Every structure is written in structure tokens, then in C-alpha cells.
Amino acid sequence: MPTPPRPDGQVPPALDNVNARIRCLMDQPATPHRTEEYRHLLTAWANLVRGDVDQTA
């Protein structure tokens, strides 16, 4: 998954881990388990990058 630009230019290790797990899942056949794991990882990814997003009015 693309990583949004970070102010300090560093990607936290947890985000790298989630991205690597997502890439591995993309190579697996579609199954209900893969779908659930992908949903879980996307939620984790969103939670990790949420702090980097400035809220607008």
C-alpha cells in the first residue's frame, strides 16, 4: 500500500510490517480467510497512518 508522506521521512516498523503482510496476502488465492485477514490488515494500516493526517474544518 502506498505510504502517505511523513513529516520526518521515516516509516514506522509497524507500518512496514503491515504493508509486507498485505503484499503477501495479495499473492494468495481468494478465500474467505484471506478476505477477513485483508480487512483486518487494512484496518490496522488505516489506524497506523491516521495520526499522520491533519483534520480539516
PDB file of N, CA and C in Angstrom:
ATOM      1  N   MET A   1       0.850  -1.168   0.000  1.00  0.00           N
ATOM      2  CA  MET A   1       0.000   0.000   0.000  1.00  0.00           C
ATOM      3  C   MET A   1       0.897   1.231   0.000  1.00  0.00           C
ATOM      4  N   PRO A   2       0.501   2.260  -0.712  1.00  0.00           N
ATOM      5  CA  PRO A   2       1.308   3.472  -0.664  1.00  0.00           C
ATOM      6  C   PRO A   2       1.274   4.069   0.734  1.00  0.00           C
ATOM      7  N   THR A   3       2.398   4.603   1.115  1.00  0.00           N
ATOM      8  CA  THR A   3       2.502   5.234   2.421  1.00  0.00           C
ATOM      9  C   THR A   3       2.442   6.740   2.247  1.00  0.00           C
ATOM     10  N   PRO A   4       1.547   7.412   2.983  1.00  0.00           N
ATOM     11  CA  PRO A   4       1.484   8.861   2.861  1.00  0.00           C
ATOM     12  C   PRO A   4       2.792   9.489   3.308  1.00  0.00           C
ATOM     13  N   PRO A   5       3.136  10.665   2.761  1.00  0.00           N
ATOM     14  CA  PRO A   5       4.370  11.329   3.180  1.00  0.00           C
ATOM     15  C   PRO A   5       4.338  11.595   4.689  1.00  0.00           C
ATOM     16  N   ARG A   6       5.465  11.398   5.331  1.00  0.00           N
ATOM     17  CA  ARG A   6       5.568  11.632   6.770  1.00  0.00           C
ATOM     18  C   ARG A   6       6.448  12.845   7.003  1.00  0.00           C
ATOM     19  N   PRO A   7       6.142  13.622   8.030  1.00  0.00           N
ATOM     20  CA  PRO A   7       6.923  14.832   8.290  1.00  0.00           C
ATOM     21  C   PRO A   7       8.401  14.561   8.511  1.00  0.00           C
ATOM     22  N   ASP A   8       8.738  13.460   9.184  1.00  0.00           N
ATOM     23  CA  ASP A   8      10.144  13.173   9.462  1.00  0.00           C
ATOM     24  C   ASP A   8      10.774  12.249   8.431  1.00  0.00           C
ATOM     25  N   GLY A   9      10.001  11.823   7.438  1.00  0.00           N
ATOM     26  CA  GLY A   9      10.525  10.997   6.363  1.00  0.00           C
ATOM     27  C   GLY A   9      10.714   9.531   6.706  1.00  0.00           C
ATOM     28  N   GLN A  10      10.367   9.107   7.905  1.00  0.00           N
ATOM     29  CA  GLN A  10      10.558   7.728   8.328  1.00  0.00           C
ATOM     30  C   GLN A  10       9.230   6.982   8.375  1.00  0.00           C
ATOM     31  N   VAL A  11       9.258   5.734   7.979  1.00  0.00           N
ATOM     32  CA  VAL A  11       8.076   4.872   8.068  1.00  0.00           C
ATOM     33  C   VAL A  11       8.252   4.014   9.317  1.00  0.00           C
ATOM     34  N   PRO A  12       7.264   4.009  10.218  1.00  0.00           N
ATOM     35  CA  PRO A  12       7.422   3.198  11.428  1.00  0.00           C
ATOM     36  C   PRO A  12       7.480   1.710  11.092  1.00  0.00           C
ATOM     37  N   PRO A  13       8.240   0.925  11.867  1.00  0.00           N
ATOM     38  CA  PRO A  13       8.355  -0.511  11.594  1.00  0.00           C
ATOM     39  C   PRO A  13       7.007  -1.223  11.546  1.00  0.00           C
ATOM     40  N   ALA A  14       6.068  -0.813  12.379  1.00  0.00           N
ATOM     41  CA  ALA A  14       4.753  -1.469  12.378  1.00  0.00           C
ATOM     42  C   ALA A  14       4.067  -1.303  11.027  1.00  0.00           C
ATOM     43  N   LEU A  15       4.205  -0.136  10.411  1.00  0.00           N
ATOM     44  CA  LEU A  15       3.588   0.101   9.109  1.00  0.00           C
ATOM     45  C   LEU A  15       4.275  -0.737   8.033  1.00  0.00           C
ATOM     46  N   ASP A  16       5.594  -0.838   8.098  1.00  0.00           N
ATOM     47  CA  ASP A  16       6.314  -1.709   7.157  1.00  0.00           C
ATOM     48  C   ASP A  16       5.839  -3.154   7.287  1.00  0.00           C
ATOM     49  N   ASN A  17       5.620  -3.597   8.516  1.00  0.00           N
ATOM     50  CA  ASN A  17       5.164  -4.963   8.764  1.00  0.00           C
ATOM     51  C   ASN A  17       3.784  -5.190   8.149  1.00  0.00           C
ATOM     52  N   VAL A  18       2.863  -4.256   8.375  1.00  0.00           N
ATOM     53  CA  VAL A  18       1.513  -4.390   7.821  1.00  0.00           C
ATOM     54  C   VAL A  18       1.577  -4.395   6.296  1.00  0.00           C
ATOM     55  N   ASN A  19       2.371  -3.504   5.717  1.00  0.00           N
ATOM     56  CA  ASN A  19       2.496  -3.462   4.257  1.00  0.00           C
ATOM     57  C   ASN A  19       3.032  -4.783   3.712  1.00  0.00           C
ATOM     58  N   ALA A  20       4.021  -5.360   4.372  1.00  0.00           N
ATOM     59  CA  ALA A  20       4.589  -6.636   3.925  1.00  0.00           C
ATOM     60  C   ALA A  20       3.547  -7.753   4.004  1.00  0.00           C
ATOM     61  N   ARG A  21       2.770  -7.763   5.061  1.00  0.00           N
ATOM     62  CA  ARG A  21       1.730  -8.790   5.207  1.00  0.00           C
ATOM     63  C   ARG A  21       0.647  -8.629   4.140  1.00  0.00           C
ATOM     64  N   ILE A  22       0.298  -7.392   3.812  1.00  0.00           N
ATOM     65  CA  ILE A  22      -0.693  -7.148   2.755  1.00  0.00           C
ATOM     66  C   ILE A  22      -0.154  -7.652   1.416  1.00  0.00           C
ATOM     67  N   ARG A  23       1.113  -7.357   1.120  1.00  0.00           N
ATOM     68  CA  ARG A  23       1.704  -7.818  -0.142  1.00  0.00           C
ATOM     69  C   ARG A  23       1.696  -9.344  -0.227  1.00  0.00           C
ATOM     70  N   CYS A  24       1.989 -10.017   0.875  1.00  0.00           N
ATOM     71  CA  CYS A  24       1.956 -11.492   0.884  1.00  0.00           C
ATOM     72  C   CYS A  24       0.550 -12.013   0.611  1.00  0.00           C
ATOM     73  N   LEU A  25      -0.444 -11.380   1.218  1.00  0.00           N
ATOM     74  CA  LEU A  25      -1.826 -11.818   1.007  1.00  0.00           C
ATOM     75  C   LEU A  25      -2.258 -11.658  -0.444  1.00  0.00           C
ATOM     76  N   MET A  26      -1.753 -10.631  -1.105  1.00  0.00           N
ATOM     77  CA  MET A  26      -2.155 -10.371  -2.487  1.00  0.00           C
ATOM     78  C   MET A  26      -1.742 -11.510  -3.413  1.00  0.00           C
ATOM     79  N   ASP A  27      -0.722 -12.273  -3.020  1.00  0.00           N
ATOM     80  CA  ASP A  27      -0.250 -13.390  -3.844  1.00  0.00           C
ATOM     81  C   ASP A  27      -1.006 -14.691  -3.574  1.00  0.00           C
ATOM     82  N   GLN A  28      -1.861 -14.706  -2.574  1.00  0.00           N
ATOM     83  CA  GLN A  28      -2.587 -15.920  -2.213  1.00  0.00           C
ATOM     84  C   GLN A  28      -3.928 -15.985  -2.941  1.00  0.00           C
ATOM     85  N   PRO A  29      -4.455 -17.193  -3.116  1.00  0.00           N
ATOM     86  CA  PRO A  29      -5.769 -17.326  -3.750  1.00  0.00           C
ATOM     87  C   PRO A  29      -6.859 -16.719  -2.863  1.00  0.00           C
ATOM     88  N   ALA A  30      -7.903 -16.233  -3.509  1.00  0.00           N
ATOM     89  CA  ALA A  30      -9.018 -15.622  -2.777  1.00  0.00           C
ATOM     90  C   ALA A  30      -9.782 -16.689  -1.998  1.00  0.00           C
ATOM     91  N   THR A  31      -9.854 -16.495  -0.696  1.00  0.00           N
ATOM     92  CA  THR A  31     -10.620 -17.370   0.194  1.00  0.00           C
ATOM     93  C   THR A  31     -11.303 -16.489   1.234  1.00  0.00           C
ATOM     94  N   PRO A  32     -12.292 -17.004   1.919  1.00  0.00           N
ATOM     95  CA  PRO A  32     -12.911 -16.215   2.993  1.00  0.00           C
ATOM     96  C   PRO A  32     -11.895 -15.805   4.072  1.00  0.00           C
ATOM     97  N   HIS A  33     -10.958 -16.709   4.389  1.00  0.00           N
ATOM     98  CA  HIS A  33      -9.940 -16.376   5.396  1.00  0.00           C
ATOM     99  C   HIS A  33      -9.057 -15.222   4.916  1.00  0.00           C
ATOM    100  N   ARG A  34      -8.638 -15.285   3.643  1.00  0.00           N
ATOM    101  CA  ARG A  34      -7.805 -14.216   3.089  1.00  0.00           C
ATOM    102  C   ARG A  34      -8.560 -12.893   3.103  1.00  0.00           C
ATOM    103  N   THR A  35      -9.837 -12.917   2.762  1.00  0.00           N
ATOM    104  CA  THR A  35     -10.648 -11.702   2.760  1.00  0.00           C
ATOM    105  C   THR A  35     -10.712 -11.095   4.154  1.00  0.00           C
ATOM    106  N   GLU A  36     -10.929 -11.922   5.154  1.00  0.00           N
ATOM    107  CA  GLU A  36     -11.009 -11.435   6.539  1.00  0.00           C
ATOM    108  C   GLU A  36      -9.663 -10.884   7.004  1.00  0.00           C
ATOM    109  N   GLU A  37      -8.590 -11.579   6.687  1.00  0.00           N
ATOM    110  CA  GLU A  37      -7.257 -11.113   7.071  1.00  0.00           C
ATOM    111  C   GLU A  37      -6.925  -9.799   6.364  1.00  0.00           C
ATOM    112  N   TYR A  38      -7.290  -9.683   5.093  1.00  0.00           N
ATOM    113  CA  TYR A  38      -7.048  -8.453   4.341  1.00  0.00           C
ATOM    114  C   TYR A  38      -7.810  -7.288   4.972  1.00  0.00           C
ATOM    115  N   ARG A  39      -9.070  -7.527   5.361  1.00  0.00           N
ATOM    116  CA  ARG A  39      -9.861  -6.482   6.008  1.00  0.00           C
ATOM    117  C   ARG A  39      -9.199  -6.051   7.314  1.00  0.00           C
ATOM    118  N   HIS A  40      -8.742  -7.019   8.078  1.00  0.00           N
ATOM    119  CA  HIS A  40      -8.073  -6.738   9.345  1.00  0.00           C
ATOM    120  C   HIS A  40      -6.807  -5.901   9.119  1.00  0.00           C
ATOM    121  N   LEU A  41      -6.016  -6.278   8.116  1.00  0.00           N
ATOM    122  CA  LEU A  41      -4.776  -5.551   7.843  1.00  0.00           C
ATOM    123  C   LEU A  41      -5.049  -4.140   7.327  1.00  0.00           C
ATOM    124  N   LEU A  42      -6.086  -3.972   6.514  1.00  0.00           N
ATOM    125  CA  LEU A  42      -6.421  -2.622   6.049  1.00  0.00           C
ATOM    126  C   LEU A  42      -6.847  -1.732   7.212  1.00  0.00           C
ATOM    127  N   THR A  43      -7.564  -2.298   8.162  1.00  0.00           N
ATOM    128  CA  THR A  43      -7.948  -1.540   9.354  1.00  0.00           C
ATOM    129  C   THR A  43      -6.710  -1.160  10.159  1.00  0.00           C
ATOM    130  N   ALA A  44      -5.796  -2.096  10.323  1.00  0.00           N
ATOM    131  CA  ALA A  44      -4.554  -1.811  11.046  1.00  0.00           C
ATOM    132  C   ALA A  44      -3.755  -0.729  10.328  1.00  0.00           C
ATOM    133  N   TRP A  45      -3.673  -0.813   9.002  1.00  0.00           N
ATOM    134  CA  TRP A  45      -2.945   0.183   8.210  1.00  0.00           C
ATOM    135  C   TRP A  45      -3.564   1.569   8.408  1.00  0.00           C
ATOM    136  N   ALA A  46      -4.887   1.640   8.326  1.00  0.00           N
ATOM    137  CA  ALA A  46      -5.575   2.922   8.499  1.00  0.00           C
ATOM    138  C   ALA A  46      -5.324   3.491   9.890  1.00  0.00           C
ATOM    139  N   ASN A  47      -5.341   2.649  10.902  1.00  0.00           N
ATOM    140  CA  ASN A  47      -5.092   3.124  12.263  1.00  0.00           C
ATOM    141  C   ASN A  47      -3.668   3.634  12.431  1.00  0.00           C
ATOM    142  N   LEU A  48      -2.712   3.003  11.764  1.00  0.00           N
ATOM    143  CA  LEU A  48      -1.318   3.431  11.874  1.00  0.00           C
ATOM    144  C   LEU A  48      -1.063   4.766  11.186  1.00  0.00           C
ATOM    145  N   VAL A  49      -1.730   5.013  10.064  1.00  0.00           N
ATOM    146  CA  VAL A  49      -1.476   6.264   9.340  1.00  0.00           C
ATOM    147  C   VAL A  49      -2.415   7.381   9.760  1.00  0.00           C
ATOM    148  N   ARG A  50      -3.437   7.072  10.530  1.00  0.00           N
ATOM    149  CA  ARG A  50      -4.415   8.081  10.932  1.00  0.00           C
ATOM    150  C   ARG A  50      -3.751   9.253  11.651  1.00  0.00           C
ATOM    151  N   GLY A  51      -2.750   9.013  12.458  1.00  0.00           N
ATOM    152  CA  GLY A  51      -2.076  10.082  13.189  1.00  0.00           C
ATOM    153  C   GLY A  51      -1.316  11.038  12.292  1.00  0.00           C
ATOM    154  N   ASP A  52      -1.058  10.636  11.051  1.00  0.00           N
ATOM    155  CA  ASP A  52      -0.321  11.488  10.122  1.00  0.00           C
ATOM    156  C   ASP A  52      -1.228  12.393   9.308  1.00  0.00           C
ATOM    157  N   VAL A  53      -2.522  12.273   9.489  1.00  0.00           N
ATOM    158  CA  VAL A  53      -3.472  13.043   8.687  1.00  0.00           C
ATOM    159  C   VAL A  53      -4.002  14.196   9.520  1.00  0.00           C
ATOM    160  N   ASP A  54      -3.893  15.395   8.983  1.00  0.00           N
ATOM    161  CA  ASP A  54      -4.438  16.566   9.661  1.00  0.00           C
ATOM    162  C   ASP A  54      -5.915  16.676   9.354  1.00  0.00           C
ATOM    163  N   GLN A  55      -6.719  16.856  10.377  1.00  0.00           N
ATOM    164  CA  GLN A  55      -8.152  17.047  10.197  1.00  0.00           C
ATOM    165  C   GLN A  55      -8.410  18.463   9.684  1.00  0.00           C
ATOM    166  N   THR A  56      -9.349  18.588   8.775  1.00  0.00           N
ATOM    167  CA  THR A  56      -9.740  19.902   8.283  1.00  0.00           C
ATOM    168  C   THR A  56     -11.058  20.294   8.922  1.00  0.00           C
ATOM    169  N   ALA A  57     -11.385  21.555   8.781  1.00  0.00           N
ATOM    170  CA  ALA A  57     -12.603  22.066   9.434  1.00  0.00           C
ATOM    171  C   ALA A  57     -13.843  21.429   8.953  1.00  0.00           C
TER     172      ALA A  57
END
